[in-house]
């Protein structure tokens, strides 16, 4: 069976090992092989093993509703909103490039030249933190 981790978005397959017994079934965890969080538990007389199928897209891409490949293809420059002082970052923003592919514009509802702002700090600053 295939799963998607609700925490990190990784896709992975799950296989049961040594199951099929009649009695003594216990609740065993099914863990994400990428972030190692327990996704859910199932009853089995054996155990479960997980195999990573696809590494998840970044927090930023998932927040924006696009893939990492879409973000790279857009070529947008992510900027920090540091307010008047320039010392503290409040959020992040970017302008949708004029040459953004139509497919991405349609998927997101953005328009070329539009400013996408108020991107939370934790979406950008927590890259790779699982």
N, C-alpha and C. Protein backbone atom coordinates (compact mmCIF):
# COMPACT_ATOMS: atom_id res chain seq x y z
N UNK A 1 0.84 -1.18 0.00
CA UNK A 1 0.00 0.00 0.00
C UNK A 1 0.88 1.24 0.00
N UNK A 2 0.42 2.31 -0.64
CA UNK A 2 1.17 3.56 -0.70
C UNK A 2 0.57 4.57 0.26
N UNK A 3 1.43 5.38 0.84
CA UNK A 3 1.03 6.38 1.82
C UNK A 3 1.66 7.72 1.47
N UNK A 4 1.09 8.79 2.03
CA UNK A 4 1.71 10.11 1.96
C UNK A 4 1.75 10.66 3.38
N UNK A 5 2.92 11.08 3.80
CA UNK A 5 3.10 11.59 5.15
C UNK A 5 2.42 12.95 5.29
N UNK A 6 1.52 13.11 6.26
CA UNK A 6 0.85 14.40 6.43
C UNK A 6 1.78 15.48 6.98
N UNK A 7 2.90 15.10 7.58
CA UNK A 7 3.82 16.08 8.15
C UNK A 7 4.77 16.65 7.10
N UNK A 8 5.44 15.77 6.34
CA UNK A 8 6.46 16.25 5.41
C UNK A 8 6.07 16.11 3.94
N UNK A 9 5.03 15.34 3.64
CA UNK A 9 4.57 15.18 2.26
C UNK A 9 5.28 14.09 1.47
N UNK A 10 6.17 13.34 2.10
CA UNK A 10 6.87 12.26 1.40
C UNK A 10 5.89 11.17 1.00
N UNK A 11 6.15 10.56 -0.16
CA UNK A 11 5.35 9.42 -0.60
C UNK A 11 6.19 8.17 -0.37
N UNK A 12 5.55 7.13 0.17
CA UNK A 12 6.27 5.89 0.47
C UNK A 12 5.34 4.70 0.40
N UNK A 13 5.94 3.52 0.24
CA UNK A 13 5.16 2.28 0.22
C UNK A 13 5.36 1.57 1.56
N UNK A 14 4.35 0.78 1.93
CA UNK A 14 4.38 0.05 3.20
C UNK A 14 4.16 -1.42 2.90
N UNK A 15 4.99 -2.26 3.51
CA UNK A 15 4.84 -3.71 3.37
C UNK A 15 4.76 -4.32 4.76
N UNK A 16 3.92 -5.33 4.88
CA UNK A 16 3.79 -6.05 6.15
C UNK A 16 4.74 -7.25 6.11
N UNK A 17 5.48 -7.43 7.19
CA UNK A 17 6.43 -8.54 7.28
C UNK A 17 6.01 -9.43 8.44
N UNK A 18 5.83 -10.71 8.16
CA UNK A 18 5.52 -11.68 9.20
C UNK A 18 4.11 -11.63 9.73
N UNK A 19 3.20 -11.00 9.02
CA UNK A 19 1.82 -10.93 9.47
C UNK A 19 1.06 -12.18 9.07
N UNK A 20 -0.22 -12.19 9.33
CA UNK A 20 -1.06 -13.30 8.91
C UNK A 20 -1.36 -14.29 10.01
N UNK A 21 -0.87 -14.04 11.21
CA UNK A 21 -1.17 -14.93 12.33
C UNK A 21 -2.62 -14.82 12.75
N UNK A 22 -3.06 -15.76 13.55
CA UNK A 22 -4.46 -15.81 13.97
C UNK A 22 -4.70 -14.97 15.22
N UNK A 23 -3.78 -15.01 16.14
CA UNK A 23 -4.02 -14.29 17.39
C UNK A 23 -2.79 -13.47 17.77
N UNK A 24 -2.96 -12.64 18.77
CA UNK A 24 -1.85 -11.85 19.28
C UNK A 24 -1.52 -10.61 18.46
N UNK A 25 -2.47 -10.16 17.65
CA UNK A 25 -2.21 -8.98 16.83
C UNK A 25 -2.06 -7.74 17.71
N UNK A 26 -1.04 -6.97 17.44
CA UNK A 26 -0.78 -5.73 18.17
C UNK A 26 -0.85 -4.56 17.19
N UNK A 27 -1.06 -3.37 17.75
CA UNK A 27 -1.03 -2.17 16.93
C UNK A 27 0.43 -1.80 16.71
N UNK A 28 0.85 -1.84 15.46
CA UNK A 28 2.23 -1.52 15.10
C UNK A 28 2.25 -0.20 14.32
N UNK A 29 3.27 0.64 14.55
CA UNK A 29 3.33 1.93 13.86
C UNK A 29 3.76 1.79 12.40
N UNK A 30 3.23 2.68 11.58
CA UNK A 30 3.70 2.85 10.21
C UNK A 30 4.38 4.21 10.19
N UNK A 31 5.72 4.19 10.05
CA UNK A 31 6.51 5.42 10.14
C UNK A 31 6.95 5.90 8.76
N UNK A 32 7.01 7.21 8.61
CA UNK A 32 7.52 7.82 7.38
C UNK A 32 9.03 7.58 7.31
N UNK A 33 9.53 7.07 6.19
CA UNK A 33 10.97 6.82 6.09
C UNK A 33 11.78 8.10 5.89
N UNK A 34 11.11 9.24 5.65
CA UNK A 34 11.83 10.50 5.43
C UNK A 34 11.97 11.31 6.72
N UNK A 35 10.84 11.58 7.39
CA UNK A 35 10.89 12.39 8.62
C UNK A 35 10.80 11.53 9.88
N UNK A 36 10.54 10.24 9.72
CA UNK A 36 10.49 9.26 10.81
C UNK A 36 9.35 9.49 11.80
N UNK A 37 8.33 10.24 11.40
CA UNK A 37 7.14 10.42 12.23
C UNK A 37 6.18 9.26 11.99
N UNK A 38 5.43 8.88 13.02
CA UNK A 38 4.42 7.84 12.87
C UNK A 38 3.22 8.41 12.12
N UNK A 39 2.89 7.80 10.99
CA UNK A 39 1.77 8.26 10.17
C UNK A 39 0.46 7.70 10.71
N UNK A 40 0.47 6.42 11.06
CA UNK A 40 -0.70 5.78 11.65
C UNK A 40 -0.28 4.43 12.22
N UNK A 41 -1.22 3.74 12.85
CA UNK A 41 -0.97 2.41 13.39
C UNK A 41 -1.99 1.44 12.82
N UNK A 42 -1.57 0.20 12.62
CA UNK A 42 -2.44 -0.87 12.13
C UNK A 42 -2.22 -2.11 12.98
N UNK A 43 -3.24 -2.94 13.06
CA UNK A 43 -3.11 -4.21 13.79
C UNK A 43 -2.45 -5.25 12.89
N UNK A 44 -1.46 -5.94 13.43
CA UNK A 44 -0.78 -7.00 12.71
C UNK A 44 -0.09 -7.93 13.70
N UNK A 45 0.16 -9.14 13.27
CA UNK A 45 0.95 -10.06 14.09
C UNK A 45 2.43 -9.95 13.72
N UNK A 46 2.72 -9.15 12.70
CA UNK A 46 4.10 -8.95 12.26
C UNK A 46 4.55 -7.53 12.52
N UNK A 47 5.19 -6.95 11.53
CA UNK A 47 5.67 -5.58 11.62
C UNK A 47 5.56 -4.94 10.23
N UNK A 48 5.77 -3.63 10.16
CA UNK A 48 5.69 -2.92 8.89
C UNK A 48 7.05 -2.35 8.52
N UNK A 49 7.33 -2.31 7.24
CA UNK A 49 8.53 -1.66 6.73
C UNK A 49 8.10 -0.64 5.68
N UNK A 50 8.76 0.51 5.67
CA UNK A 50 8.41 1.59 4.76
C UNK A 50 9.56 1.85 3.79
N UNK A 51 9.22 2.11 2.53
CA UNK A 51 10.22 2.42 1.50
C UNK A 51 9.86 3.74 0.84
N UNK A 52 10.79 4.67 0.84
CA UNK A 52 10.58 6.00 0.26
C UNK A 52 10.39 5.90 -1.25
N UNK A 53 9.32 6.51 -1.76
CA UNK A 53 9.05 6.55 -3.19
C UNK A 53 9.45 7.91 -3.76
N UNK A 54 9.06 8.99 -3.06
CA UNK A 54 9.34 10.34 -3.55
C UNK A 54 9.62 11.27 -2.39
N UNK A 55 10.77 11.95 -2.47
CA UNK A 55 11.12 12.95 -1.47
C UNK A 55 10.12 14.09 -1.59
N UNK A 56 9.69 14.65 -0.47
CA UNK A 56 8.68 15.71 -0.54
C UNK A 56 9.21 17.01 -1.12
N UNK A 57 8.28 17.80 -1.68
CA UNK A 57 8.64 19.15 -2.10
C UNK A 57 8.93 19.98 -0.86
N UNK A 58 9.60 21.10 -1.06
CA UNK A 58 9.97 21.98 0.05
C UNK A 58 8.73 22.55 0.73
N UNK A 59 8.91 23.06 1.94
CA UNK A 59 7.80 23.71 2.66
C UNK A 59 7.25 24.86 1.83
N UNK A 60 8.16 25.63 1.23
CA UNK A 60 7.74 26.79 0.44
C UNK A 60 6.86 26.36 -0.74
N UNK A 61 7.30 25.37 -1.48
CA UNK A 61 6.51 24.92 -2.64
C UNK A 61 5.15 24.39 -2.21
N UNK A 62 5.13 23.62 -1.13
CA UNK A 62 3.85 23.09 -0.65
C UNK A 62 2.94 24.22 -0.18
N UNK A 63 3.50 25.23 0.48
CA UNK A 63 2.71 26.38 0.92
C UNK A 63 2.10 27.11 -0.28
N UNK A 64 2.88 27.24 -1.35
CA UNK A 64 2.42 27.95 -2.54
C UNK A 64 1.51 27.10 -3.42
N UNK A 65 1.47 25.79 -3.18
CA UNK A 65 0.62 24.91 -3.96
C UNK A 65 1.23 24.51 -5.30
N UNK A 66 2.56 24.55 -5.37
CA UNK A 66 3.27 24.17 -6.59
C UNK A 66 4.36 23.16 -6.23
N UNK A 67 5.00 22.61 -7.24
CA UNK A 67 6.10 21.68 -6.99
C UNK A 67 7.43 22.44 -6.95
N UNK A 68 8.46 21.79 -6.46
CA UNK A 68 9.80 22.40 -6.49
C UNK A 68 10.21 22.69 -7.93
N UNK A 69 9.85 21.79 -8.85
CA UNK A 69 10.17 22.00 -10.26
C UNK A 69 9.48 23.25 -10.80
N UNK A 70 8.22 23.48 -10.41
CA UNK A 70 7.49 24.68 -10.83
C UNK A 70 8.20 25.93 -10.31
N UNK A 71 8.61 25.91 -9.03
CA UNK A 71 9.28 27.07 -8.43
C UNK A 71 10.58 27.38 -9.19
N UNK A 72 11.34 26.35 -9.49
CA UNK A 72 12.60 26.54 -10.23
C UNK A 72 12.32 27.07 -11.64
N UNK A 73 11.29 26.53 -12.28
CA UNK A 73 10.96 26.94 -13.64
C UNK A 73 10.52 28.40 -13.69
N UNK A 74 9.83 28.86 -12.64
CA UNK A 74 9.41 30.26 -12.58
C UNK A 74 10.60 31.20 -12.50
N UNK A 75 11.61 30.80 -11.73
CA UNK A 75 12.78 31.66 -11.57
C UNK A 75 12.51 32.89 -10.73
N UNK A 76 11.51 32.83 -9.86
CA UNK A 76 11.18 33.97 -9.01
C UNK A 76 12.24 34.16 -7.94
N UNK A 77 12.42 35.40 -7.52
CA UNK A 77 13.38 35.73 -6.47
C UNK A 77 12.63 35.99 -5.17
N UNK A 78 12.92 35.19 -4.16
CA UNK A 78 12.27 35.33 -2.86
C UNK A 78 12.97 36.45 -2.09
N UNK A 79 12.19 37.40 -1.57
CA UNK A 79 12.74 38.55 -0.85
C UNK A 79 12.22 38.59 0.57
N UNK A 80 13.03 39.11 1.47
CA UNK A 80 12.63 39.26 2.87
C UNK A 80 12.00 40.63 3.07
N UNK A 81 10.87 40.67 3.76
CA UNK A 81 10.26 41.93 4.16
C UNK A 81 10.83 42.29 5.52
N UNK A 82 11.73 43.27 5.53
CA UNK A 82 12.41 43.64 6.78
C UNK A 82 11.86 44.93 7.37
N UNK A 83 10.77 45.43 6.84
CA UNK A 83 10.17 46.64 7.39
C UNK A 83 11.08 47.84 7.21
N UNK A 84 10.84 48.89 7.98
CA UNK A 84 11.61 50.12 7.87
C UNK A 84 13.01 50.00 8.44
N UNK A 85 13.16 49.21 9.48
CA UNK A 85 14.46 49.12 10.16
C UNK A 85 15.47 48.32 9.34
N UNK A 86 15.01 47.34 8.60
CA UNK A 86 15.90 46.49 7.83
C UNK A 86 16.64 45.48 8.69
N UNK A 87 16.29 45.40 9.96
CA UNK A 87 17.01 44.52 10.88
C UNK A 87 16.29 43.21 11.17
N UNK A 88 14.98 43.21 11.06
CA UNK A 88 14.21 42.02 11.42
C UNK A 88 13.33 41.60 10.24
N UNK A 89 13.32 40.32 9.93
CA UNK A 89 12.48 39.82 8.85
C UNK A 89 11.10 39.50 9.40
N UNK A 90 10.07 40.07 8.74
CA UNK A 90 8.69 39.87 9.17
C UNK A 90 7.99 38.78 8.36
N UNK A 91 8.29 38.71 7.10
CA UNK A 91 7.73 37.71 6.20
C UNK A 91 8.54 37.73 4.91
N UNK A 92 8.12 36.95 3.93
CA UNK A 92 8.80 36.92 2.64
C UNK A 92 7.81 37.23 1.53
N UNK A 93 8.33 37.65 0.39
CA UNK A 93 7.49 37.97 -0.76
C UNK A 93 8.27 37.74 -2.05
N UNK A 94 7.54 37.66 -3.17
CA UNK A 94 8.16 37.61 -4.49
C UNK A 94 7.17 38.14 -5.52
N UNK A 95 7.71 38.54 -6.66
CA UNK A 95 6.87 38.96 -7.78
C UNK A 95 6.83 37.82 -8.78
N UNK A 96 5.65 37.53 -9.28
CA UNK A 96 5.48 36.48 -10.29
C UNK A 96 6.13 36.98 -11.58
N UNK A 97 7.18 36.29 -12.06
CA UNK A 97 7.88 36.74 -13.28
C UNK A 97 6.96 36.79 -14.50
N UNK A 98 7.28 37.71 -15.40
CA UNK A 98 6.48 37.89 -16.63
C UNK A 98 6.48 36.63 -17.50
N UNK A 99 7.57 35.86 -17.45
CA UNK A 99 7.66 34.67 -18.30
C UNK A 99 7.27 33.38 -17.59
N UNK A 100 6.46 33.50 -16.52
CA UNK A 100 5.98 32.31 -15.81
C UNK A 100 5.09 31.49 -16.74
N UNK A 101 5.31 30.18 -16.84
CA UNK A 101 4.49 29.34 -17.72
C UNK A 101 2.99 29.43 -17.38
N UNK A 102 2.18 29.41 -18.42
CA UNK A 102 0.72 29.50 -18.27
C UNK A 102 0.17 28.42 -17.34
N UNK A 103 0.75 27.23 -17.42
CA UNK A 103 0.29 26.11 -16.59
C UNK A 103 0.38 26.46 -15.10
N UNK A 104 1.47 27.10 -14.70
CA UNK A 104 1.65 27.49 -13.30
C UNK A 104 0.68 28.60 -12.93
N UNK A 105 0.51 29.57 -13.82
CA UNK A 105 -0.44 30.67 -13.56
C UNK A 105 -1.85 30.13 -13.39
N UNK A 106 -2.22 29.18 -14.24
CA UNK A 106 -3.56 28.58 -14.15
C UNK A 106 -3.73 27.79 -12.85
N UNK A 107 -2.70 27.02 -12.49
CA UNK A 107 -2.75 26.18 -11.29
C UNK A 107 -2.90 27.03 -10.02
N UNK A 108 -2.22 28.17 -9.99
CA UNK A 108 -2.19 28.99 -8.77
C UNK A 108 -3.19 30.14 -8.77
N UNK A 109 -3.62 30.56 -9.95
CA UNK A 109 -4.50 31.72 -10.03
C UNK A 109 -3.74 33.04 -9.99
N UNK A 110 -2.42 32.98 -10.09
CA UNK A 110 -1.60 34.20 -10.09
C UNK A 110 -1.62 34.84 -11.47
N UNK A 111 -1.18 36.11 -11.49
CA UNK A 111 -1.00 36.84 -12.74
C UNK A 111 0.46 37.27 -12.83
N UNK A 112 0.99 37.32 -14.03
CA UNK A 112 2.37 37.79 -14.22
C UNK A 112 2.49 39.21 -13.67
N UNK A 113 3.55 39.46 -12.91
CA UNK A 113 3.77 40.76 -12.30
C UNK A 113 3.12 40.93 -10.94
N UNK A 114 2.30 39.99 -10.54
CA UNK A 114 1.62 40.06 -9.24
C UNK A 114 2.62 39.84 -8.10
N UNK A 115 2.42 40.56 -7.00
CA UNK A 115 3.24 40.37 -5.81
C UNK A 115 2.56 39.36 -4.90
N UNK A 116 3.29 38.32 -4.53
CA UNK A 116 2.82 37.32 -3.58
C UNK A 116 3.56 37.61 -2.29
N UNK A 117 2.81 38.03 -1.27
CA UNK A 117 3.48 38.43 -0.03
C UNK A 117 2.90 37.73 1.19
N UNK A 118 3.38 38.12 2.34
CA UNK A 118 2.97 37.54 3.63
C UNK A 118 3.26 36.04 3.71
N UNK A 119 4.36 35.60 3.10
CA UNK A 119 4.78 34.20 3.22
C UNK A 119 5.44 34.06 4.58
N UNK A 120 4.89 33.23 5.47
CA UNK A 120 5.39 33.13 6.84
C UNK A 120 6.86 32.73 6.93
N UNK A 121 7.50 33.21 7.98
CA UNK A 121 8.92 32.90 8.22
C UNK A 121 9.17 31.41 8.30
N UNK A 122 8.31 30.69 9.03
CA UNK A 122 8.58 29.26 9.24
C UNK A 122 8.48 28.44 7.96
N UNK A 123 7.78 28.94 6.95
CA UNK A 123 7.69 28.24 5.68
C UNK A 123 9.04 28.27 4.96
N UNK A 124 9.76 29.37 5.10
CA UNK A 124 11.05 29.54 4.41
C UNK A 124 12.20 29.11 5.30
N UNK A 125 12.17 29.51 6.57
CA UNK A 125 13.30 29.29 7.47
C UNK A 125 13.41 27.87 7.99
N UNK A 126 12.37 27.06 7.82
CA UNK A 126 12.41 25.70 8.36
C UNK A 126 12.72 24.67 7.29
N UNK A 127 13.27 25.10 6.15
CA UNK A 127 13.59 24.16 5.07
C UNK A 127 14.44 23.02 5.61
N UNK A 128 13.95 21.80 5.40
CA UNK A 128 14.70 20.62 5.81
C UNK A 128 14.53 20.23 7.27
N UNK A 129 13.78 21.01 8.05
CA UNK A 129 13.56 20.66 9.45
C UNK A 129 12.37 19.72 9.55
N UNK A 130 12.64 18.45 9.81
CA UNK A 130 11.56 17.47 9.98
C UNK A 130 11.75 16.77 11.28
